[in-house]
Amino acid sequence: FLFIHFMSLGWTAQEQGRWVGQFLGPALKRSSVAEV
């Protein structure tokens, strides 16, 4: 963000891991687009 001035969302790797492992991964697998 010190030199990037366009759309972004900050993640640390651990935070992203929690989001993927607990939320995004399961949501995708149980959806109608689980093949993605």
PDB file of all heavy atoms in Angstrom:
ATOM      1  N   PHE A   1       0.819  -1.217   0.000  1.00  0.00           N
ATOM      2  CA  PHE A   1       0.000   0.000   0.000  1.00  0.00           C
ATOM      3  C   PHE A   1       0.853   1.267   0.000  1.00  0.00           C
ATOM      4  O   PHE A   1       0.357   2.356  -0.305  1.00  0.00           O
ATOM      5  CB  PHE A   1      -0.943   0.011   1.212  1.00  0.00           C
ATOM      6  CG  PHE A   1      -0.245   0.145   2.536  1.00  0.00           C
ATOM      7  CD1 PHE A   1       0.012   1.402   3.078  1.00  0.00           C
ATOM      8  CD2 PHE A   1       0.154  -0.979   3.243  1.00  0.00           C
ATOM      9  CE1 PHE A   1       0.654   1.528   4.304  1.00  0.00           C
ATOM     10  CE2 PHE A   1       0.799  -0.863   4.466  1.00  0.00           C
ATOM     11  CZ  PHE A   1       1.056   0.395   4.998  1.00  0.00           C
ATOM     12  N   LEU A   2       2.132   1.142   0.323  1.00  0.00           N
ATOM     13  CA  LEU A   2       3.012   2.314   0.327  1.00  0.00           C
ATOM     14  C   LEU A   2       3.210   2.864  -1.079  1.00  0.00           C
ATOM     15  O   LEU A   2       3.489   4.049  -1.253  1.00  0.00           O
ATOM     16  CB  LEU A   2       4.366   1.941   0.947  1.00  0.00           C
ATOM     17  CG  LEU A   2       4.324   1.526   2.424  1.00  0.00           C
ATOM     18  CD1 LEU A   2       5.678   0.994   2.863  1.00  0.00           C
ATOM     19  CD2 LEU A   2       3.907   2.719   3.292  1.00  0.00           C
ATOM     20  N   PHE A   3       3.059   1.992  -2.094  1.00  0.00           N
ATOM     21  CA  PHE A   3       3.237   2.464  -3.468  1.00  0.00           C
ATOM     22  C   PHE A   3       2.172   1.944  -4.420  1.00  0.00           C
ATOM     23  O   PHE A   3       2.168   2.290  -5.594  1.00  0.00           O
ATOM     24  CB  PHE A   3       4.632   2.076  -3.993  1.00  0.00           C
ATOM     25  CG  PHE A   3       4.998   0.626  -3.773  1.00  0.00           C
ATOM     26  CD1 PHE A   3       4.701  -0.329  -4.718  1.00  0.00           C
ATOM     27  CD2 PHE A   3       5.619   0.232  -2.594  1.00  0.00           C
ATOM     28  CE1 PHE A   3       5.026  -1.655  -4.514  1.00  0.00           C
ATOM     29  CE2 PHE A   3       5.955  -1.099  -2.381  1.00  0.00           C
ATOM     30  CZ  PHE A   3       5.667  -2.058  -3.346  1.00  0.00           C
ATOM     31  N   ILE A   4       1.257   1.103  -3.933  1.00  0.00           N
ATOM     32  CA  ILE A   4       0.155   0.582  -4.746  1.00  0.00           C
ATOM     33  C   ILE A   4      -1.105   1.365  -4.391  1.00  0.00           C
ATOM     34  O   ILE A   4      -1.486   1.441  -3.220  1.00  0.00           O
ATOM     35  CB  ILE A   4      -0.068  -0.923  -4.486  1.00  0.00           C
ATOM     36  CG1 ILE A   4       1.138  -1.732  -4.936  1.00  0.00           C
ATOM     37  CG2 ILE A   4      -1.334  -1.407  -5.169  1.00  0.00           C
ATOM     38  CD1 ILE A   4       1.392  -1.714  -6.421  1.00  0.00           C
ATOM     39  N   HIS A   5      -1.767   1.923  -5.412  1.00  0.00           N
ATOM     40  CA  HIS A   5      -2.924   2.779  -5.145  1.00  0.00           C
ATOM     41  C   HIS A   5      -4.163   2.317  -5.904  1.00  0.00           C
ATOM     42  O   HIS A   5      -5.011   3.130  -6.276  1.00  0.00           O
ATOM     43  CB  HIS A   5      -2.587   4.231  -5.488  1.00  0.00           C
ATOM     44  CG  HIS A   5      -1.398   4.750  -4.749  1.00  0.00           C
ATOM     45  ND1 HIS A   5      -1.379   4.923  -3.381  1.00  0.00           N
ATOM     46  CD2 HIS A   5      -0.156   5.091  -5.191  1.00  0.00           C
ATOM     47  CE1 HIS A   5      -0.189   5.362  -3.007  1.00  0.00           C
ATOM     48  NE2 HIS A   5       0.571   5.468  -4.080  1.00  0.00           N
ATOM     49  N   PHE A   6      -4.247   1.004  -6.121  1.00  0.00           N
ATOM     50  CA  PHE A   6      -5.449   0.469  -6.755  1.00  0.00           C
ATOM     51  C   PHE A   6      -6.060  -0.584  -5.836  1.00  0.00           C
ATOM     52  O   PHE A   6      -5.534  -0.877  -4.757  1.00  0.00           O
ATOM     53  CB  PHE A   6      -5.159  -0.090  -8.147  1.00  0.00           C
ATOM     54  CG  PHE A   6      -4.000  -1.060  -8.214  1.00  0.00           C
ATOM     55  CD1 PHE A   6      -4.147  -2.387  -7.831  1.00  0.00           C
ATOM     56  CD2 PHE A   6      -2.758  -0.650  -8.691  1.00  0.00           C
ATOM     57  CE1 PHE A   6      -3.094  -3.282  -7.906  1.00  0.00           C
ATOM     58  CE2 PHE A   6      -1.698  -1.537  -8.780  1.00  0.00           C
ATOM     59  CZ  PHE A   6      -1.867  -2.863  -8.381  1.00  0.00           C
ATOM     60  N   MET A   7      -7.167  -1.152  -6.246  1.00  0.00           N
ATOM     61  CA  MET A   7      -7.935  -2.080  -5.426  1.00  0.00           C
ATOM     62  C   MET A   7      -7.061  -3.211  -4.883  1.00  0.00           C
ATOM     63  O   MET A   7      -6.280  -3.811  -5.625  1.00  0.00           O
ATOM     64  CB  MET A   7      -9.083  -2.677  -6.240  1.00  0.00           C
ATOM     65  CG  MET A   7     -10.122  -1.675  -6.691  1.00  0.00           C
ATOM     66  SD  MET A   7     -11.326  -2.429  -7.813  1.00  0.00           S
ATOM     67  CE  MET A   7     -12.145  -3.588  -6.731  1.00  0.00           C
ATOM     68  N   SER A   8      -7.216  -3.490  -3.613  1.00  0.00           N
ATOM     69  CA  SER A   8      -6.453  -4.571  -3.000  1.00  0.00           C
ATOM     70  C   SER A   8      -7.145  -5.013  -1.712  1.00  0.00           C
ATOM     71  O   SER A   8      -7.988  -4.303  -1.156  1.00  0.00           O
ATOM     72  CB  SER A   8      -5.018  -4.130  -2.687  1.00  0.00           C
ATOM     73  OG  SER A   8      -5.010  -3.077  -1.739  1.00  0.00           O
ATOM     74  N   LEU A   9      -6.758  -6.199  -1.269  1.00  0.00           N
ATOM     75  CA  LEU A   9      -7.182  -6.713   0.032  1.00  0.00           C
ATOM     76  C   LEU A   9      -5.973  -7.360   0.682  1.00  0.00           C
ATOM     77  O   LEU A   9      -5.368  -8.278   0.112  1.00  0.00           O
ATOM     78  CB  LEU A   9      -8.307  -7.751  -0.118  1.00  0.00           C
ATOM     79  CG  LEU A   9      -8.706  -8.476   1.178  1.00  0.00           C
ATOM     80  CD1 LEU A   9      -9.282  -7.492   2.206  1.00  0.00           C
ATOM     81  CD2 LEU A   9      -9.700  -9.599   0.896  1.00  0.00           C
ATOM     82  N   GLY A  10      -5.593  -6.879   1.855  1.00  0.00           N
ATOM     83  CA  GLY A  10      -4.420  -7.404   2.528  1.00  0.00           C
ATOM     84  C   GLY A  10      -4.699  -8.707   3.253  1.00  0.00           C
ATOM     85  O   GLY A  10      -5.730  -8.872   3.911  1.00  0.00           O
ATOM     86  N   TRP A  11      -3.761  -9.639   3.090  1.00  0.00           N
ATOM     87  CA  TRP A  11      -3.777 -10.894   3.828  1.00  0.00           C
ATOM     88  C   TRP A  11      -2.376 -11.193   4.327  1.00  0.00           C
ATOM     89  O   TRP A  11      -1.401 -10.991   3.596  1.00  0.00           O
ATOM     90  CB  TRP A  11      -4.169 -12.074   2.926  1.00  0.00           C
ATOM     91  CG  TRP A  11      -5.575 -12.202   2.468  1.00  0.00           C
ATOM     92  CD1 TRP A  11      -6.051 -11.951   1.213  1.00  0.00           C
ATOM     93  CD2 TRP A  11      -6.693 -12.670   3.230  1.00  0.00           C
ATOM     94  NE1 TRP A  11      -7.394 -12.228   1.146  1.00  0.00           N
ATOM     95  CE2 TRP A  11      -7.816 -12.667   2.370  1.00  0.00           C
ATOM     96  CE3 TRP A  11      -6.840 -13.076   4.562  1.00  0.00           C
ATOM     97  CZ2 TRP A  11      -9.073 -13.068   2.807  1.00  0.00           C
ATOM     98  CZ3 TRP A  11      -8.108 -13.476   4.981  1.00  0.00           C
ATOM     99  CH2 TRP A  11      -9.211 -13.468   4.115  1.00  0.00           C
ATOM    100  N   THR A  12      -2.255 -11.709   5.522  1.00  0.00           N
ATOM    101  CA  THR A  12      -1.052 -12.455   5.875  1.00  0.00           C
ATOM    102  C   THR A  12      -1.314 -13.895   5.446  1.00  0.00           C
ATOM    103  O   THR A  12      -2.475 -14.308   5.234  1.00  0.00           O
ATOM    104  CB  THR A  12      -0.757 -12.407   7.374  1.00  0.00           C
ATOM    105  OG1 THR A  12      -1.801 -13.101   8.075  1.00  0.00           O
ATOM    106  CG2 THR A  12      -0.651 -10.975   7.867  1.00  0.00           C
ATOM    107  N   ALA A  13      -0.249 -14.677   5.329  1.00  0.00           N
ATOM    108  CA  ALA A  13      -0.422 -16.052   4.878  1.00  0.00           C
ATOM    109  C   ALA A  13      -1.255 -16.869   5.871  1.00  0.00           C
ATOM    110  O   ALA A  13      -2.101 -17.681   5.477  1.00  0.00           O
ATOM    111  CB  ALA A  13       0.939 -16.706   4.668  1.00  0.00           C
ATOM    112  N   GLN A  14      -1.037 -16.642   7.170  1.00  0.00           N
ATOM    113  CA  GLN A  14      -1.795 -17.393   8.161  1.00  0.00           C
ATOM    114  C   GLN A  14      -3.281 -17.058   8.100  1.00  0.00           C
ATOM    115  O   GLN A  14      -4.135 -17.940   8.197  1.00  0.00           O
ATOM    116  CB  GLN A  14      -1.261 -17.113   9.576  1.00  0.00           C
ATOM    117  CG  GLN A  14       0.150 -17.642   9.819  1.00  0.00           C
ATOM    118  CD  GLN A  14       1.206 -16.581   9.584  1.00  0.00           C
ATOM    119  OE1 GLN A  14       1.048 -15.693   8.738  1.00  0.00           O
ATOM    120  NE2 GLN A  14       2.307 -16.666  10.328  1.00  0.00           N
ATOM    121  N   GLU A  15      -3.585 -15.758   7.964  1.00  0.00           N
ATOM    122  CA  GLU A  15      -4.989 -15.352   7.862  1.00  0.00           C
ATOM    123  C   GLU A  15      -5.641 -15.944   6.621  1.00  0.00           C
ATOM    124  O   GLU A  15      -6.779 -16.429   6.669  1.00  0.00           O
ATOM    125  CB  GLU A  15      -5.081 -13.827   7.825  1.00  0.00           C
ATOM    126  CG  GLU A  15      -4.729 -13.140   9.133  1.00  0.00           C
ATOM    127  CD  GLU A  15      -4.541 -11.641   8.973  1.00  0.00           C
ATOM    128  OE1 GLU A  15      -4.369 -11.160   7.829  1.00  0.00           O
ATOM    129  OE2 GLU A  15      -4.542 -10.947  10.001  1.00  0.00           O
ATOM    130  N   GLN A  16      -4.918 -15.899   5.505  1.00  0.00           N
ATOM    131  CA  GLN A  16      -5.479 -16.462   4.280  1.00  0.00           C
ATOM    132  C   GLN A  16      -5.661 -17.971   4.419  1.00  0.00           C
ATOM    133  O   GLN A  16      -6.636 -18.537   3.909  1.00  0.00           O
ATOM    134  CB  GLN A  16      -4.586 -16.143   3.077  1.00  0.00           C
ATOM    135  CG  GLN A  16      -5.245 -16.476   1.753  1.00  0.00           C
ATOM    136  CD  GLN A  16      -4.408 -16.038   0.575  1.00  0.00           C
ATOM    137  OE1 GLN A  16      -3.472 -16.729   0.185  1.00  0.00           O
ATOM    138  NE2 GLN A  16      -4.739 -14.879   0.001  1.00  0.00           N
ATOM    139  N   GLY A  17      -4.719 -18.620   5.101  1.00  0.00           N
ATOM    140  CA  GLY A  17      -4.858 -20.048   5.344  1.00  0.00           C
ATOM    141  C   GLY A  17      -6.122 -20.377   6.119  1.00  0.00           C
ATOM    142  O   GLY A  17      -6.837 -21.349   5.814  1.00  0.00           O
ATOM    143  N   ARG A  18      -6.392 -19.585   7.153  1.00  0.00           N
ATOM    144  CA  ARG A  18      -7.615 -19.813   7.933  1.00  0.00           C
ATOM    145  C   ARG A  18      -8.852 -19.621   7.065  1.00  0.00           C
ATOM    146  O   ARG A  18      -9.795 -20.424   7.117  1.00  0.00           O
ATOM    147  CB  ARG A  18      -7.657 -18.860   9.124  1.00  0.00           C
ATOM    148  CG  ARG A  18      -8.935 -19.017   9.951  1.00  0.00           C
ATOM    149  CD  ARG A  18      -8.988 -18.091  11.144  1.00  0.00           C
ATOM    150  NE  ARG A  18     -10.325 -18.141  11.746  1.00  0.00           N
ATOM    151  CZ  ARG A  18     -11.082 -17.088  11.985  1.00  0.00           C
ATOM    152  NH1 ARG A  18     -10.649 -15.869  11.700  1.00  0.00           N
ATOM    153  NH2 ARG A  18     -12.283 -17.234  12.528  1.00  0.00           N
ATOM    154  N   TRP A  19      -8.851 -18.560   6.254  1.00  0.00           N
ATOM    155  CA  TRP A  19     -10.010 -18.288   5.393  1.00  0.00           C
ATOM    156  C   TRP A  19     -10.222 -19.425   4.386  1.00  0.00           C
ATOM    157  O   TRP A  19     -11.341 -19.887   4.184  1.00  0.00           O
ATOM    158  CB  TRP A  19      -9.808 -16.955   4.675  1.00  0.00           C
ATOM    159  CG  TRP A  19     -10.907 -16.617   3.704  1.00  0.00           C
ATOM    160  CD1 TRP A  19     -12.226 -16.420   4.002  1.00  0.00           C
ATOM    161  CD2 TRP A  19     -10.776 -16.459   2.298  1.00  0.00           C
ATOM    162  NE1 TRP A  19     -12.935 -16.131   2.848  1.00  0.00           N
ATOM    163  CE2 TRP A  19     -12.063 -16.149   1.795  1.00  0.00           C
ATOM    164  CE3 TRP A  19      -9.705 -16.528   1.412  1.00  0.00           C
ATOM    165  CZ2 TRP A  19     -12.291 -15.927   0.433  1.00  0.00           C
ATOM    166  CZ3 TRP A  19      -9.931 -16.296   0.063  1.00  0.00           C
ATOM    167  CH2 TRP A  19     -11.213 -16.001  -0.422  1.00  0.00           C
ATOM    168  N   VAL A  20      -9.140 -19.896   3.779  1.00  0.00           N
ATOM    169  CA  VAL A  20      -9.254 -20.963   2.784  1.00  0.00           C
ATOM    170  C   VAL A  20      -9.669 -22.277   3.447  1.00  0.00           C
ATOM    171  O   VAL A  20     -10.575 -22.972   2.978  1.00  0.00           O
ATOM    172  CB  VAL A  20      -7.923 -21.137   2.022  1.00  0.00           C
ATOM    173  CG1 VAL A  20      -7.926 -22.421   1.195  1.00  0.00           C
ATOM    174  CG2 VAL A  20      -7.660 -19.932   1.130  1.00  0.00           C
ATOM    175  N   GLY A  21      -9.001 -22.643   4.550  1.00  0.00           N
ATOM    176  CA  GLY A  21      -9.250 -23.931   5.171  1.00  0.00           C
ATOM    177  C   GLY A  21     -10.595 -24.045   5.849  1.00  0.00           C
ATOM    178  O   GLY A  21     -11.211 -25.122   5.878  1.00  0.00           O
ATOM    179  N   GLN A  22     -11.083 -22.930   6.396  1.00  0.00           N
ATOM    180  CA  GLN A  22     -12.326 -22.972   7.182  1.00  0.00           C
ATOM    181  C   GLN A  22     -13.537 -22.466   6.401  1.00  0.00           C
ATOM    182  O   GLN A  22     -14.672 -22.873   6.708  1.00  0.00           O
ATOM    183  CB  GLN A  22     -12.143 -22.150   8.462  1.00  0.00           C
ATOM    184  CG  GLN A  22     -13.262 -22.309   9.485  1.00  0.00           C
ATOM    185  CD  GLN A  22     -12.928 -21.610  10.799  1.00  0.00           C
ATOM    186  OE1 GLN A  22     -11.771 -21.266  11.054  1.00  0.00           O
ATOM    187  NE2 GLN A  22     -13.924 -21.397  11.637  1.00  0.00           N
ATOM    188  N   PHE A  23     -13.304 -21.626   5.376  1.00  0.00           N
ATOM    189  CA  PHE A  23     -14.435 -20.979   4.715  1.00  0.00           C
ATOM    190  C   PHE A  23     -14.459 -21.209   3.195  1.00  0.00           C
ATOM    191  O   PHE A  23     -15.380 -21.858   2.690  1.00  0.00           O
ATOM    192  CB  PHE A  23     -14.423 -19.479   5.025  1.00  0.00           C
ATOM    193  CG  PHE A  23     -14.558 -19.169   6.480  1.00  0.00           C
ATOM    194  CD1 PHE A  23     -13.435 -18.975   7.276  1.00  0.00           C
ATOM    195  CD2 PHE A  23     -15.811 -19.089   7.078  1.00  0.00           C
ATOM    196  CE1 PHE A  23     -13.556 -18.702   8.622  1.00  0.00           C
ATOM    197  CE2 PHE A  23     -15.945 -18.811   8.440  1.00  0.00           C
ATOM    198  CZ  PHE A  23     -14.809 -18.625   9.218  1.00  0.00           C
ATOM    199  N   LEU A  24     -13.479 -20.676   2.451  1.00  0.00           N
ATOM    200  CA  LEU A  24     -13.549 -20.750   0.994  1.00  0.00           C
ATOM    201  C   LEU A  24     -13.485 -22.182   0.480  1.00  0.00           C
ATOM    202  O   LEU A  24     -14.290 -22.576  -0.374  1.00  0.00           O
ATOM    203  CB  LEU A  24     -12.422 -19.922   0.362  1.00  0.00           C
ATOM    204  CG  LEU A  24     -12.371 -19.961  -1.177  1.00  0.00           C
ATOM    205  CD1 LEU A  24     -13.653 -19.400  -1.783  1.00  0.00           C
ATOM    206  CD2 LEU A  24     -11.148 -19.202  -1.702  1.00  0.00           C
ATOM    207  N   GLY A  25     -12.507 -22.961   0.954  1.00  0.00           N
ATOM    208  CA  GLY A  25     -12.374 -24.334   0.475  1.00  0.00           C
ATOM    209  C   GLY A  25     -13.643 -25.142   0.672  1.00  0.00           C
ATOM    210  O   GLY A  25     -14.183 -25.726  -0.282  1.00  0.00           O
ATOM    211  N   PRO A  26     -14.179 -25.207   1.908  1.00  0.00           N
ATOM    212  CA  PRO A  26     -15.428 -25.953   2.122  1.00  0.00           C
ATOM    213  C   PRO A  26     -16.609 -25.393   1.332  1.00  0.00           C
ATOM    214  O   PRO A  26     -17.428 -26.161   0.802  1.00  0.00           O
ATOM    215  CB  PRO A  26     -15.652 -25.821   3.629  1.00  0.00           C
ATOM    216  CG  PRO A  26     -14.275 -25.620   4.201  1.00  0.00           C
ATOM    217  CD  PRO A  26     -13.548 -24.795   3.176  1.00  0.00           C
ATOM    218  N   ALA A  27     -16.720 -24.057   1.240  1.00  0.00           N
ATOM    219  CA  ALA A  27     -17.842 -23.459   0.504  1.00  0.00           C
ATOM    220  C   ALA A  27     -17.800 -23.854  -0.956  1.00  0.00           C
ATOM    221  O   ALA A  27     -18.844 -24.156  -1.569  1.00  0.00           O
ATOM    222  CB  ALA A  27     -17.815 -21.938   0.654  1.00  0.00           C
ATOM    223  N   LEU A  28     -16.614 -23.856  -1.534  1.00  0.00           N
ATOM    224  CA  LEU A  28     -16.475 -24.225  -2.941  1.00  0.00           C
ATOM    225  C   LEU A  28     -16.811 -25.699  -3.148  1.00  0.00           C
ATOM    226  O   LEU A  28     -17.529 -26.064  -4.087  1.00  0.00           O
ATOM    227  CB  LEU A  28     -15.046 -23.923  -3.403  1.00  0.00           C
ATOM    228  CG  LEU A  28     -14.766 -23.940  -4.905  1.00  0.00           C
ATOM    229  CD1 LEU A  28     -15.646 -22.954  -5.659  1.00  0.00           C
ATOM    230  CD2 LEU A  28     -13.288 -23.627  -5.157  1.00  0.00           C
ATOM    231  N   LYS A  29     -16.335 -26.559  -2.257  1.00  0.00           N
ATOM    232  CA  LYS A  29     -16.530 -28.000  -2.426  1.00  0.00           C
ATOM    233  C   LYS A  29     -17.994 -28.424  -2.261  1.00  0.00           C
ATOM    234  O   LYS A  29     -18.421 -29.417  -2.852  1.00  0.00           O
ATOM    235  CB  LYS A  29     -15.655 -28.775  -1.436  1.00  0.00           C
ATOM    236  CG  LYS A  29     -14.162 -28.658  -1.709  1.00  0.00           C
ATOM    237  CD  LYS A  29     -13.805 -29.097  -3.130  1.00  0.00           C
ATOM    238  CE  LYS A  29     -12.323 -28.975  -3.405  1.00  0.00           C
ATOM    239  NZ  LYS A  29     -12.005 -29.267  -4.839  1.00  0.00           N
ATOM    240  N   ARG A  30     -18.754 -27.690  -1.472  1.00  0.00           N
ATOM    241  CA  ARG A  30     -20.151 -28.092  -1.278  1.00  0.00           C
ATOM    242  C   ARG A  30     -21.105 -27.347  -2.220  1.00  0.00           C
ATOM    243  O   ARG A  30     -22.325 -27.522  -2.137  1.00  0.00           O
ATOM    244  CB  ARG A  30     -20.581 -27.870   0.170  1.00  0.00           C
ATOM    245  CG  ARG A  30     -20.569 -26.441   0.650  1.00  0.00           C
ATOM    246  CD  ARG A  30     -21.137 -26.310   2.064  1.00  0.00           C
ATOM    247  NE  ARG A  30     -21.034 -24.934   2.547  1.00  0.00           N
ATOM    248  CZ  ARG A  30     -20.109 -24.505   3.400  1.00  0.00           C
ATOM    249  NH1 ARG A  30     -19.209 -25.364   3.879  1.00  0.00           N
ATOM    250  NH2 ARG A  30     -20.076 -23.234   3.779  1.00  0.00           N
ATOM    251  N   SER A  31     -20.553 -26.539  -3.142  1.00  0.00           N
ATOM    252  CA  SER A  31     -21.380 -25.724  -4.034  1.00  0.00           C
ATOM    253  C   SER A  31     -21.692 -26.474  -5.331  1.00  0.00           C
ATOM    254  O   SER A  31     -21.180 -27.574  -5.585  1.00  0.00           O
ATOM    255  CB  SER A  31     -20.655 -24.424  -4.370  1.00  0.00           C
ATOM    256  OG  SER A  31     -19.589 -24.674  -5.281  1.00  0.00           O
ATOM    257  N   SER A  32     -22.496 -25.848  -6.172  1.00  0.00           N
ATOM    258  CA  SER A  32     -22.821 -26.415  -7.494  1.00  0.00           C
ATOM    259  C   SER A  32     -21.689 -26.211  -8.490  1.00  0.00           C
ATOM    260  O   SER A  32     -21.779 -26.661  -9.628  1.00  0.00           O
ATOM    261  CB  SER A  32     -24.105 -25.776  -8.033  1.00  0.00           C
ATOM    262  OG  SER A  32     -23.919 -24.371  -8.229  1.00  0.00           O
ATOM    263  N   VAL A  33     -20.616 -25.512  -8.069  1.00  0.00           N
ATOM    264  CA  VAL A  33     -19.455 -25.291  -8.938  1.00  0.00           C
ATOM    265  C   VAL A  33     -18.221 -25.928  -8.306  1.00  0.00           C
ATOM    266  O   VAL A  33     -17.107 -25.415  -8.396  1.00  0.00           O
ATOM    267  CB  VAL A  33     -19.225 -23.788  -9.218  1.00  0.00           C
ATOM    268  CG1 VAL A  33     -20.301 -23.240 -10.143  1.00  0.00           C
ATOM    269  CG2 VAL A  33     -19.182 -22.990  -7.911  1.00  0.00           C
ATOM    270  N   ALA A  34     -18.416 -27.077  -7.676  1.00  0.00           N
ATOM    271  CA  ALA A  34     -17.334 -27.743  -6.952  1.00  0.00           C
ATOM    272  C   ALA A  34     -16.202 -28.182  -7.864  1.00  0.00           C
ATOM    273  O   ALA A  34     -15.096 -28.458  -7.395  1.00  0.00           O
ATOM    274  CB  ALA A  34     -17.888 -28.952  -6.200  1.00  0.00           C
ATOM    275  N   GLU A  35     -16.461 -28.237  -9.176  1.00  0.00           N
ATOM    276  CA  GLU A  35     -15.411 -28.634 -10.123  1.00  0.00           C
ATOM    277  C   GLU A  35     -14.365 -27.548 -10.339  1.00  0.00           C
ATOM    278  O   GLU A  35     -13.286 -27.809 -10.879  1.00  0.00           O
ATOM    279  CB  GLU A  35     -16.032 -29.004 -11.474  1.00  0.00           C
ATOM    280  CG  GLU A  35     -16.546 -27.826 -12.312  1.00  0.00           C
ATOM    281  CD  GLU A  35     -17.924 -27.296 -11.901  1.00  0.00           C
ATOM    282  OE1 GLU A  35     -18.483 -27.827 -10.908  1.00  0.00           O
ATOM    283  OE2 GLU A  35     -18.435 -26.379 -12.569  1.00  0.00           O
ATOM    284  N   VAL A  36     -14.650 -26.330  -9.924  1.00  0.00           N
ATOM    285  CA  VAL A  36     -13.720 -25.215 -10.122  1.00  0.00           C
ATOM    286  C   VAL A  36     -12.490 -25.407  -9.241  1.00  0.00           C
ATOM    287  O   VAL A  36     -12.598 -25.672  -8.037  1.00  0.00           O
ATOM    288  CB  VAL A  36     -14.401 -23.871  -9.817  1.00  0.00           C
ATOM    289  CG1 VAL A  36     -13.403 -22.715  -9.924  1.00  0.00           C
ATOM    290  CG2 VAL A  36     -15.565 -23.640 -10.786  1.00  0.00           C
TER     291      VAL A  36
END
